[in-house]
Amino acid sequence: MKRTMPWKAFLSLLMPLVFLSSAYGISAELEGKCMTCHKEKTPGIYLQWKNSEHSLHNVTCYSCHQASRGDKDGFMHEGARIATMVTPKDCGVCHTREADEFMQSYHAEAGKILESNDAYLAHVIGGDPAAVVGCASCHGAKVKLDNDSPNKLAVGSWPNSGIGRLNPDGSNGSCNACHVRHAFSREQVRRPETCGKCHLGPDHPQKEVYEESKHGIAYHTNISKMNLESEKWVVGEDYFAGPTCATCHASATQNQRITHDYRDRISWTTRPKISYLLDGWEEKRANMQDVCRNCHGKVFYEGHYAQYDALVHLYNVKFAEPAVEVMKILRENNSLERTASFSNDIEWIFWELWHHEGRRARHGAAMMGPDYAWWHGIYEVGKHFYFDFIPAVEELGDDEALAYIHELLENDPMHNWMNRNTDALKDGIRSGELQKLYDDFYQAQLED
């Protein structure tokens, strides 16, 4: 049986809307005109709204789209001042805690991609249209105004549902990046497909990693048992067949409420060249392990984290740190042929080494995706480090960089395998010699 909202909660939701409608002098007749018109002009939008929780609780078009005289994107439409765009600030009138959490999250900062090399590449290799429909559609970008446009939003920046969108009212983010308008379905936002718009592809294939993992298999083979439409959705109580992205990163457990700040359960950052543990990582890891314990014993999930940590340390120390050091030497010595970023072959090799292959390896280990941890990850990192990156360094002929590489390949026990005999290496694998090398290495990382 479908649960209804308790009357006190309903009043707390309704009262801000009643206040706002009366404050702007909008009559019930005028609000009804929105539905009557859009039922004919945009029936899909009307039906999405009509079958939503918003409709059930009398949250109308004007409740969300109303604009004050000071709103830069506001305009008069059929007797009411409205804004096309609904921002987290608007949603926060009723959903205060959720909006506050979201606007403090990494998601709300995603629009800062304009300051990163991703956006640089899109603009100089492709061009502005590529950046708009590619980067900005996921990350968000600054929405510009056009006073000659019927809704005052410039076509070069609108539509945009990028999760870190920079809005005219000063807020960051887009709630409907996940809570897709105008239904705002609970079921939809809990499904991993919703996250798959952005979290996929060569540089951050979380969707693909999830689908190959036991977690993804459990979900896809048990969707009918997931109780996705339930108002209350607590893992271990309301469902147990398998987790979704929301389960692990956002949804409630018996000990934690829903969060809209995805930093709350992530201990490593696997995005940059070299991974590092985030501030407060112990608490964040405990939060995630609280999710894990609903389906796994302590030995299981602590073992997973030990394996994950080991892979991240391996990637950092064996490949990322040496590559970063070499690139630093080359730049300080002005050894690159051209000064523009990405105008030299080695910069592309280095970029894909960490931004594509290195991320795939780390994401694969984090989410128990073996193919991405190895074949799409460390295998490609290793191949391209030894047989693309190092030859590119040698071709540039920088003496300092070459000396660094020579020392690495000759004397570092992680890299000098290239100078040993294959049979001797196999014997080392069988005897546990190579395993001990990495056991000692990992223990040293823990002690540091």
Protein backbone atom coordinates (compact mmCIF):
# COMPACT_ATOMS: atom_id res chain seq x y z
CA MET A 1 0.00 0.00 0.00
CA LYS A 2 1.33 3.41 -0.92
CA ARG A 3 2.26 5.50 2.06
CA THR A 4 1.00 9.08 2.33
CA MET A 5 2.89 12.01 3.78
CA PRO A 6 2.11 12.66 7.49
CA TRP A 7 -0.09 15.73 7.90
CA LYS A 8 2.54 17.70 9.86
CA ALA A 9 5.13 17.10 7.18
CA PHE A 10 2.58 18.05 4.54
CA LEU A 11 1.83 21.34 6.29
CA SER A 12 5.55 22.13 6.60
CA LEU A 13 5.86 21.59 2.85
CA LEU A 14 2.74 23.51 1.96
CA MET A 15 3.15 26.60 4.15
CA PRO A 16 6.14 28.12 2.27
CA LEU A 17 4.23 27.70 -0.96
CA VAL A 18 1.10 29.35 0.41
CA PHE A 19 3.23 32.24 1.67
CA LEU A 20 5.04 32.65 -1.62
CA SER A 21 1.86 32.55 -3.73
CA SER A 22 0.16 35.17 -1.59
CA ALA A 23 3.32 37.30 -1.48
CA TYR A 24 3.43 37.54 -5.24
CA GLY A 25 -0.33 38.04 -5.57
CA ILE A 26 -0.95 35.01 -7.78
CA SER A 27 -4.50 33.71 -7.72
CA ALA A 28 -5.53 30.07 -7.80
CA GLU A 29 -7.19 30.82 -11.14
CA LEU A 30 -3.93 32.04 -12.65
CA GLU A 31 -2.04 29.04 -11.24
CA GLY A 32 -4.68 26.77 -12.78
CA LYS A 33 -4.13 28.48 -16.12
CA CYS A 34 -0.57 27.08 -16.18
CA MET A 35 -1.85 23.51 -16.05
CA THR A 36 -4.65 24.12 -18.54
CA CYS A 37 -2.27 25.58 -21.12
CA HIS A 38 0.59 23.14 -20.65
CA LYS A 39 -1.80 20.19 -20.76
CA GLU A 40 -2.38 21.18 -24.40
CA LYS A 41 0.99 22.70 -25.38
CA THR A 42 3.40 20.31 -23.61
CA PRO A 43 1.33 17.27 -22.58
CA GLY A 44 4.39 15.22 -21.64
CA ILE A 45 5.49 17.78 -19.06
CA TYR A 46 1.93 18.13 -17.78
CA LEU A 47 1.49 14.36 -17.32
CA GLN A 48 4.88 14.00 -15.64
CA TRP A 49 3.82 16.63 -13.14
CA LYS A 50 0.25 15.33 -12.76
CA ASN A 51 1.50 11.88 -11.73
CA SER A 52 4.18 13.23 -9.39
CA GLU A 53 4.37 13.70 -5.63
CA HIS A 54 4.45 17.45 -6.28
CA SER A 55 1.00 17.28 -7.85
CA LEU A 56 -0.30 15.08 -5.06
CA HIS A 57 0.71 17.74 -2.51
CA ASN A 58 -0.48 20.73 -4.55
CA VAL A 59 2.96 21.93 -5.61
CA THR A 60 2.10 23.67 -8.86
CA CYS A 61 4.07 25.07 -11.80
CA TYR A 62 4.17 28.49 -10.20
CA SER A 63 5.35 27.11 -6.86
CA CYS A 64 8.70 26.30 -8.48
CA HIS A 65 8.91 28.71 -11.44
CA GLN A 66 7.85 31.96 -9.74
CA ALA A 67 10.31 34.85 -9.95
CA SER A 68 10.68 38.09 -8.05
CA ARG A 69 11.37 41.44 -9.67
CA GLY A 70 15.02 41.15 -8.72
CA ASP A 71 15.59 37.80 -10.46
CA LYS A 72 17.83 38.38 -13.47
CA ASP A 73 16.22 35.59 -15.48
CA GLY A 74 12.63 36.50 -14.57
CA PHE A 75 10.13 37.59 -17.24
CA MET A 76 6.42 38.22 -17.54
CA HIS A 77 4.42 35.34 -19.00
CA GLU A 78 0.62 35.20 -19.20
CA GLY A 79 0.19 37.60 -16.28
CA ALA A 80 2.80 36.05 -13.96
CA ARG A 81 6.48 36.77 -13.44
CA ILE A 82 8.32 33.48 -13.84
CA ALA A 83 11.75 32.02 -14.57
CA THR A 84 12.38 29.09 -16.90
CA MET A 85 15.21 27.78 -14.76
CA VAL A 86 14.61 26.22 -11.35
CA THR A 87 17.74 26.28 -9.19
CA PRO A 88 18.79 24.66 -5.89
CA LYS A 89 17.95 27.98 -4.23
CA ASP A 90 14.37 27.57 -5.46
CA CYS A 91 14.17 23.92 -4.40
CA GLY A 92 15.63 24.90 -1.03
CA VAL A 93 12.50 26.87 -0.13
CA CYS A 94 10.94 23.52 0.80
CA HIS A 95 13.85 21.08 0.66
CA THR A 96 16.17 23.13 2.86
CA ARG A 97 18.51 20.46 4.22
CA GLU A 98 18.80 18.68 0.89
CA ALA A 99 19.65 21.89 -0.97
CA ASP A 100 22.21 22.95 1.63
CA GLU A 101 23.96 19.57 1.51
CA PHE A 102 23.96 19.52 -2.25
CA MET A 103 25.34 23.04 -2.66
CA GLN A 104 28.28 22.08 -0.40
CA SER A 105 29.05 18.91 -2.36
CA TYR A 106 31.56 18.06 -5.10
CA HIS A 107 28.65 17.78 -7.50
CA ALA A 108 27.79 21.46 -7.05
CA GLU A 109 31.42 22.36 -7.78
CA ALA A 110 31.53 20.45 -11.06
CA GLY A 111 30.97 23.61 -13.10
CA LYS A 112 34.53 24.60 -12.22
CA ILE A 113 35.59 22.35 -15.10
CA LEU A 114 35.96 25.63 -16.98
CA GLU A 115 39.19 26.05 -15.03
CA SER A 116 40.52 22.57 -15.84
CA ASN A 117 42.44 20.91 -18.67
CA ASP A 118 39.30 19.00 -19.69
CA ALA A 119 37.62 22.22 -20.80
CA TYR A 120 40.89 23.51 -22.29
CA LEU A 121 41.09 20.44 -24.52
CA ALA A 122 37.47 20.71 -25.59
CA HIS A 123 37.92 24.35 -26.60
CA VAL A 124 41.28 24.19 -28.37
CA ILE A 125 41.10 20.72 -29.94
CA GLY A 126 37.41 20.91 -30.73
CA GLY A 127 35.77 24.28 -30.19
CA ASP A 128 33.10 25.97 -28.10
CA PRO A 129 30.19 23.83 -29.42
CA ALA A 130 32.07 20.69 -28.34
CA ALA A 131 32.59 22.10 -24.85
CA VAL A 132 28.92 23.08 -24.57
CA VAL A 133 27.37 19.77 -25.61
CA GLY A 134 30.15 17.65 -24.14
CA CYS A 135 31.73 19.01 -20.97
CA ALA A 136 29.03 21.45 -19.84
CA SER A 137 26.15 19.01 -20.31
CA CYS A 138 27.46 16.91 -17.44
CA HIS A 139 29.58 19.30 -15.41
CA GLY A 140 27.48 22.40 -15.90
CA ALA A 141 28.60 25.86 -16.95
CA LYS A 142 27.60 29.47 -16.47
CA VAL A 143 24.12 30.10 -17.84
CA LYS A 144 24.13 33.40 -19.68
CA LEU A 145 21.22 35.78 -20.18
CA ASP A 146 19.85 37.14 -23.43
CA ASN A 147 17.36 39.95 -22.97
CA ASP A 148 16.16 39.48 -26.56
CA SER A 149 15.23 35.84 -25.90
CA PRO A 150 11.60 35.04 -24.98
CA ASN A 151 12.76 33.42 -21.73
CA LYS A 152 15.92 35.53 -21.32
CA LEU A 153 18.28 32.52 -21.43
CA ALA A 154 21.01 32.47 -24.09
CA VAL A 155 20.87 29.50 -26.45
CA GLY A 156 24.62 28.92 -26.15
CA SER A 157 24.25 28.07 -22.46
CA TRP A 158 20.66 26.79 -22.25
CA PRO A 159 19.41 24.10 -22.01
CA ASN A 160 21.84 22.84 -19.40
CA SER A 161 21.19 20.34 -16.62
CA GLY A 162 24.86 19.92 -15.71
CA ILE A 163 25.14 19.04 -12.06
CA GLY A 164 27.48 21.94 -11.24
CA ARG A 165 25.65 24.53 -13.32
CA LEU A 166 26.38 28.17 -12.41
CA ASN A 167 22.98 29.82 -12.13
CA PRO A 168 21.99 33.48 -12.61
CA ASP A 169 20.74 33.68 -9.01
CA GLY A 170 24.23 32.92 -7.66
CA SER A 171 23.56 29.31 -6.71
CA ASN A 172 25.54 26.37 -8.04
CA GLY A 173 24.10 23.11 -9.26
CA SER A 174 21.09 21.52 -10.84
CA CYS A 175 18.79 19.30 -8.78
CA ASN A 176 17.17 17.93 -11.94
CA ALA A 177 20.49 16.48 -13.07
CA CYS A 178 19.45 13.54 -10.87
CA HIS A 179 15.82 14.26 -9.96
CA VAL A 180 14.73 14.43 -13.58
CA ARG A 181 11.93 16.90 -14.24
CA HIS A 182 8.97 17.02 -14.05
CA ALA A 183 8.20 13.73 -12.35
CA PHE A 184 11.06 13.84 -9.82
CA SER A 185 10.58 10.10 -9.36
CA ARG A 186 12.05 8.38 -6.31
CA GLU A 187 12.46 5.20 -8.32
CA GLN A 188 14.31 6.91 -11.14
CA VAL A 189 16.86 8.64 -8.93
CA ARG A 190 17.61 5.38 -7.12
CA ARG A 191 18.43 3.54 -10.35
CA PRO A 192 22.08 3.41 -11.49
CA GLU A 193 21.00 4.37 -15.01
CA THR A 194 20.39 7.91 -13.73
CA CYS A 195 24.05 8.27 -12.71
CA GLY A 196 25.12 6.75 -16.03
CA LYS A 197 24.53 9.96 -17.98
CA CYS A 198 27.85 11.31 -16.70
CA HIS A 199 29.70 8.57 -14.82
CA LEU A 200 30.83 6.46 -17.78
CA GLY A 201 33.39 6.44 -20.55
CA PRO A 202 37.17 6.18 -20.87
CA ASP A 203 38.11 8.42 -17.94
CA HIS A 204 35.51 7.59 -15.27
CA PRO A 205 33.63 4.39 -16.18
CA GLN A 206 31.75 3.93 -12.91
CA LYS A 207 28.64 2.77 -14.78
CA GLU A 208 30.55 0.08 -16.66
CA VAL A 209 32.53 -0.97 -13.58
CA TYR A 210 29.30 -1.26 -11.57
CA GLU A 211 27.63 -3.34 -14.27
CA GLU A 212 30.46 -5.89 -14.31
CA SER A 213 30.69 -6.06 -10.51
CA LYS A 214 28.78 -8.47 -8.30
CA HIS A 215 26.84 -5.48 -7.01
CA GLY A 216 25.61 -4.59 -10.49
CA ILE A 217 24.81 -8.20 -11.32
CA ALA A 218 22.81 -8.54 -8.10
CA TYR A 219 20.82 -5.41 -8.93
CA HIS A 220 20.12 -6.18 -12.59
CA THR A 221 19.01 -9.75 -11.86
CA ASN A 222 16.79 -8.70 -8.95
CA ILE A 223 15.25 -5.37 -10.00
CA SER A 224 11.76 -6.59 -9.17
CA LYS A 225 12.85 -7.16 -5.56
CA MET A 226 14.42 -3.73 -5.04
CA ASN A 227 11.24 -1.95 -3.82
CA LEU A 228 12.39 1.12 -5.73
CA GLU A 229 9.10 3.03 -5.45
CA SER A 230 8.95 2.85 -1.65
CA GLU A 231 8.77 6.18 0.18
CA LYS A 232 11.08 4.83 2.89
CA TRP A 233 14.10 3.05 1.38
CA VAL A 234 16.51 1.77 4.02
CA VAL A 235 18.98 -0.92 3.01
CA GLY A 236 18.54 -4.05 5.09
CA GLU A 237 14.95 -3.12 5.90
CA ASP A 238 13.09 -2.14 2.74
CA TYR A 239 15.32 -3.99 0.27
CA PHE A 240 18.26 -6.37 0.37
CA ALA A 241 18.67 -7.98 -3.07
CA GLY A 242 21.53 -5.70 -4.14
CA PRO A 243 22.85 -2.12 -3.99
CA THR A 244 22.61 0.73 -6.46
CA CYS A 245 24.85 3.79 -6.72
CA ALA A 246 22.41 5.59 -4.43
CA THR A 247 22.53 2.80 -1.85
CA CYS A 248 26.25 3.17 -1.26
CA HIS A 249 26.73 6.89 -1.79
CA ALA A 250 23.56 8.63 -0.68
CA SER A 251 20.62 6.60 0.61
CA ALA A 252 19.66 5.82 4.17
CA THR A 253 20.91 2.98 6.35
CA GLN A 254 19.67 1.98 9.78
CA ASN A 255 22.30 4.35 11.21
CA GLN A 256 22.54 7.13 8.61
CA ARG A 257 20.00 9.39 6.99
CA ILE A 258 19.96 10.25 3.30
CA THR A 259 22.78 12.59 2.25
CA HIS A 260 23.06 14.85 -0.79
CA ASP A 261 26.78 15.42 -0.20
CA TYR A 262 28.56 12.50 -1.82
CA ARG A 263 31.78 13.33 0.06
CA ASP A 264 30.29 11.80 3.19
CA ARG A 265 31.26 8.21 2.27
CA ILE A 266 34.32 8.59 0.02
CA SER A 267 37.75 8.19 1.63
CA TRP A 268 40.09 8.36 -1.41
CA THR A 269 39.96 10.81 -4.26
CA THR A 270 40.66 8.84 -7.42
CA ARG A 271 40.31 11.82 -9.77
CA PRO A 272 43.75 13.56 -9.77
CA LYS A 273 47.12 12.42 -11.06
CA ILE A 274 48.09 11.09 -7.63
CA SER A 275 45.37 9.88 -5.27
CA TYR A 276 45.24 11.05 -1.67
CA LEU A 277 43.05 10.40 1.36
CA LEU A 278 40.50 13.13 1.97
CA ASP A 279 40.19 15.13 5.18
CA GLY A 280 38.23 13.13 7.70
CA TRP A 281 38.69 9.96 5.64
CA GLU A 282 38.38 7.65 8.66
CA GLU A 283 34.84 8.88 9.36
CA LYS A 284 33.95 8.79 5.68
CA ARG A 285 35.18 5.20 5.39
CA ALA A 286 33.24 4.23 8.49
CA ASN A 287 30.13 5.73 6.89
CA MET A 288 30.60 3.60 3.78
CA GLN A 289 31.38 0.48 5.80
CA ASP A 290 28.11 1.04 7.63
CA VAL A 291 26.45 0.48 4.25
CA CYS A 292 28.66 -2.55 3.52
CA ARG A 293 27.82 -4.29 6.78
CA ASN A 294 24.19 -4.78 5.76
CA CYS A 295 25.27 -7.48 3.32
CA HIS A 296 28.90 -8.28 4.28
CA GLY A 297 30.81 -9.28 7.39
CA LYS A 298 33.59 -7.15 8.81
CA VAL A 299 36.35 -9.45 7.54
CA PHE A 300 34.90 -9.15 4.01
CA TYR A 301 34.62 -5.39 3.77
CA GLU A 302 37.87 -4.69 5.61
CA GLY A 303 39.56 -7.11 3.22
CA HIS A 304 38.10 -5.23 0.28
CA TYR A 305 39.44 -1.94 1.57
CA ALA A 306 42.89 -3.47 2.15
CA GLN A 307 42.95 -4.62 -1.49
CA TYR A 308 41.65 -1.26 -2.73
CA ASP A 309 44.22 0.68 -0.70
CA ALA A 310 47.01 -1.57 -2.00
CA LEU A 311 46.04 -0.93 -5.64
CA VAL A 312 45.87 2.84 -5.12
CA HIS A 313 49.27 2.86 -3.40
CA LEU A 314 50.70 0.71 -6.20
CA TYR A 315 49.40 3.05 -8.89
CA ASN A 316 50.62 6.13 -7.00
CA VAL A 317 54.15 4.98 -6.21
CA LYS A 318 55.01 2.76 -9.16
CA PHE A 319 53.61 4.87 -11.99
CA ALA A 320 51.99 8.20 -11.09
CA GLU A 321 54.68 9.71 -8.89
CA PRO A 322 57.57 8.90 -11.30
CA ALA A 323 55.59 10.18 -14.30
CA VAL A 324 54.65 13.40 -12.48
CA GLU A 325 58.30 13.93 -11.51
CA VAL A 326 59.50 13.43 -15.09
CA MET A 327 56.96 15.91 -16.45
CA LYS A 328 58.01 18.42 -13.80
CA ILE A 329 61.68 18.06 -14.85
CA LEU A 330 60.82 18.49 -18.53
CA ARG A 331 58.80 21.63 -17.91
CA GLU A 332 61.34 23.20 -15.55
CA ASN A 333 64.09 22.55 -18.11
CA ASN A 334 61.97 23.87 -21.00
CA SER A 335 62.56 20.59 -22.82
CA LEU A 336 59.15 20.45 -24.48
CA GLU A 337 59.19 21.55 -28.10
CA ARG A 338 56.06 23.74 -27.91
CA THR A 339 54.80 25.83 -25.01
CA ALA A 340 51.03 25.34 -25.50
CA SER A 341 49.63 22.54 -23.34
CA PHE A 342 48.92 19.35 -25.29
CA SER A 343 50.94 20.48 -28.29
CA ASN A 344 53.56 17.81 -27.52
CA ASP A 345 53.07 14.07 -27.90
CA ILE A 346 54.37 13.23 -24.42
CA GLU A 347 51.68 15.40 -22.83
CA TRP A 348 48.97 13.28 -24.44
CA ILE A 349 50.66 10.08 -23.31
CA PHE A 350 50.96 11.39 -19.75
CA TRP A 351 47.34 12.64 -19.78
CA GLU A 352 45.86 9.32 -20.80
CA LEU A 353 48.18 7.48 -18.42
CA TRP A 354 46.58 9.06 -15.35
CA HIS A 355 43.36 10.68 -16.58
CA HIS A 356 42.07 7.62 -18.45
CA GLU A 357 43.95 4.43 -17.61
CA GLY A 358 44.96 5.35 -14.06
CA ARG A 359 41.44 6.42 -13.16
CA ARG A 360 39.98 3.23 -14.62
CA ALA A 361 42.32 1.12 -12.50
CA ARG A 362 41.44 3.00 -9.32
CA HIS A 363 37.70 3.02 -10.02
CA GLY A 364 37.83 -0.68 -10.84
CA ALA A 365 39.47 -1.48 -7.52
CA ALA A 366 37.09 0.79 -5.60
CA MET A 367 33.96 -0.81 -7.04
CA MET A 368 35.12 -4.43 -7.39
CA GLY A 369 35.36 -4.43 -11.18
CA PRO A 370 38.28 -6.78 -11.97
CA ASP A 371 38.41 -6.17 -15.73
CA TYR A 372 38.70 -2.42 -15.20
CA ALA A 373 41.20 -2.77 -12.37
CA TRP A 374 43.53 -4.85 -14.56
CA TRP A 375 42.92 -5.04 -18.33
CA HIS A 376 41.48 -1.55 -18.77
CA GLY A 377 43.55 -0.24 -15.87
CA ILE A 378 46.97 -1.27 -14.58
CA TYR A 379 47.73 -3.37 -17.68
CA GLU A 380 47.35 -0.29 -19.91
CA VAL A 381 49.08 1.99 -17.39
CA GLY A 382 52.09 -0.33 -17.36
CA LYS A 383 52.21 -0.88 -21.11
CA HIS A 384 52.04 2.81 -21.92
CA PHE A 385 54.38 3.85 -19.11
CA TYR A 386 57.16 1.51 -20.30
CA PHE A 387 56.63 1.55 -24.05
CA ASP A 388 55.12 4.98 -24.81
CA PHE A 389 55.97 7.38 -21.99
CA ILE A 390 59.62 6.38 -21.40
CA PRO A 391 60.49 6.29 -25.15
CA ALA A 392 58.95 9.76 -25.49
CA VAL A 393 61.19 11.00 -22.67
CA GLU A 394 64.22 9.43 -24.34
CA GLU A 395 63.35 11.13 -27.63
CA LEU A 396 63.34 14.55 -25.96
CA GLY A 397 66.89 13.94 -24.71
CA ASP A 398 66.65 15.85 -21.41
CA ASP A 399 69.71 14.65 -19.42
CA GLU A 400 68.12 15.14 -16.00
CA ALA A 401 64.95 13.28 -16.99
CA LEU A 402 66.97 10.48 -18.59
CA ALA A 403 69.09 10.08 -15.45
CA TYR A 404 65.92 9.81 -13.36
CA ILE A 405 64.44 7.17 -15.70
CA HIS A 406 67.72 5.20 -15.78
CA GLU A 407 67.88 5.09 -11.98
CA LEU A 408 64.27 3.91 -11.86
CA LEU A 409 64.70 1.08 -14.37
CA GLU A 410 68.06 -0.11 -13.07
CA ASN A 411 67.73 0.11 -9.29
CA ASP A 412 64.06 0.32 -8.31
CA PRO A 413 62.89 -3.23 -7.46
CA MET A 414 59.44 -2.41 -8.82
CA HIS A 415 60.84 -1.61 -12.27
CA ASN A 416 64.05 -3.60 -12.75
CA TRP A 417 62.10 -6.72 -13.79
CA MET A 418 62.80 -5.66 -17.38
CA ASN A 419 66.47 -6.51 -16.91
CA ARG A 420 65.87 -9.97 -15.47
CA ASN A 421 65.36 -13.40 -17.05
CA THR A 422 61.76 -14.57 -17.62
CA ASP A 423 62.33 -17.95 -15.93
CA ALA A 424 63.87 -16.22 -12.92
CA LEU A 425 60.84 -13.95 -12.67
CA LYS A 426 58.47 -16.91 -12.86
CA ASP A 427 60.44 -18.62 -10.10
CA GLY A 428 60.10 -15.43 -8.09
CA ILE A 429 56.33 -15.52 -8.54
CA ARG A 430 56.11 -19.20 -7.48
CA SER A 431 58.43 -18.76 -4.50
CA GLY A 432 56.60 -15.67 -3.23
CA GLU A 433 59.62 -13.40 -3.78
CA LEU A 434 57.65 -10.89 -5.85
CA GLN A 435 54.65 -11.06 -3.57
CA LYS A 436 56.91 -10.26 -0.60
CA LEU A 437 58.28 -7.26 -2.50
CA TYR A 438 54.80 -5.80 -2.74
CA ASP A 439 53.79 -6.89 0.76
CA ASP A 440 56.80 -5.02 2.15
CA PHE A 441 56.03 -2.06 -0.08
CA TYR A 442 52.41 -1.90 1.07
CA GLN A 443 53.38 -2.21 4.73
CA ALA A 444 55.79 0.67 4.28
CA GLN A 445 52.97 2.78 2.79
CA LEU A 446 50.76 2.03 5.79
CA GLU A 447 53.51 3.04 8.19
CA ASP A 448 53.99 6.32 6.32
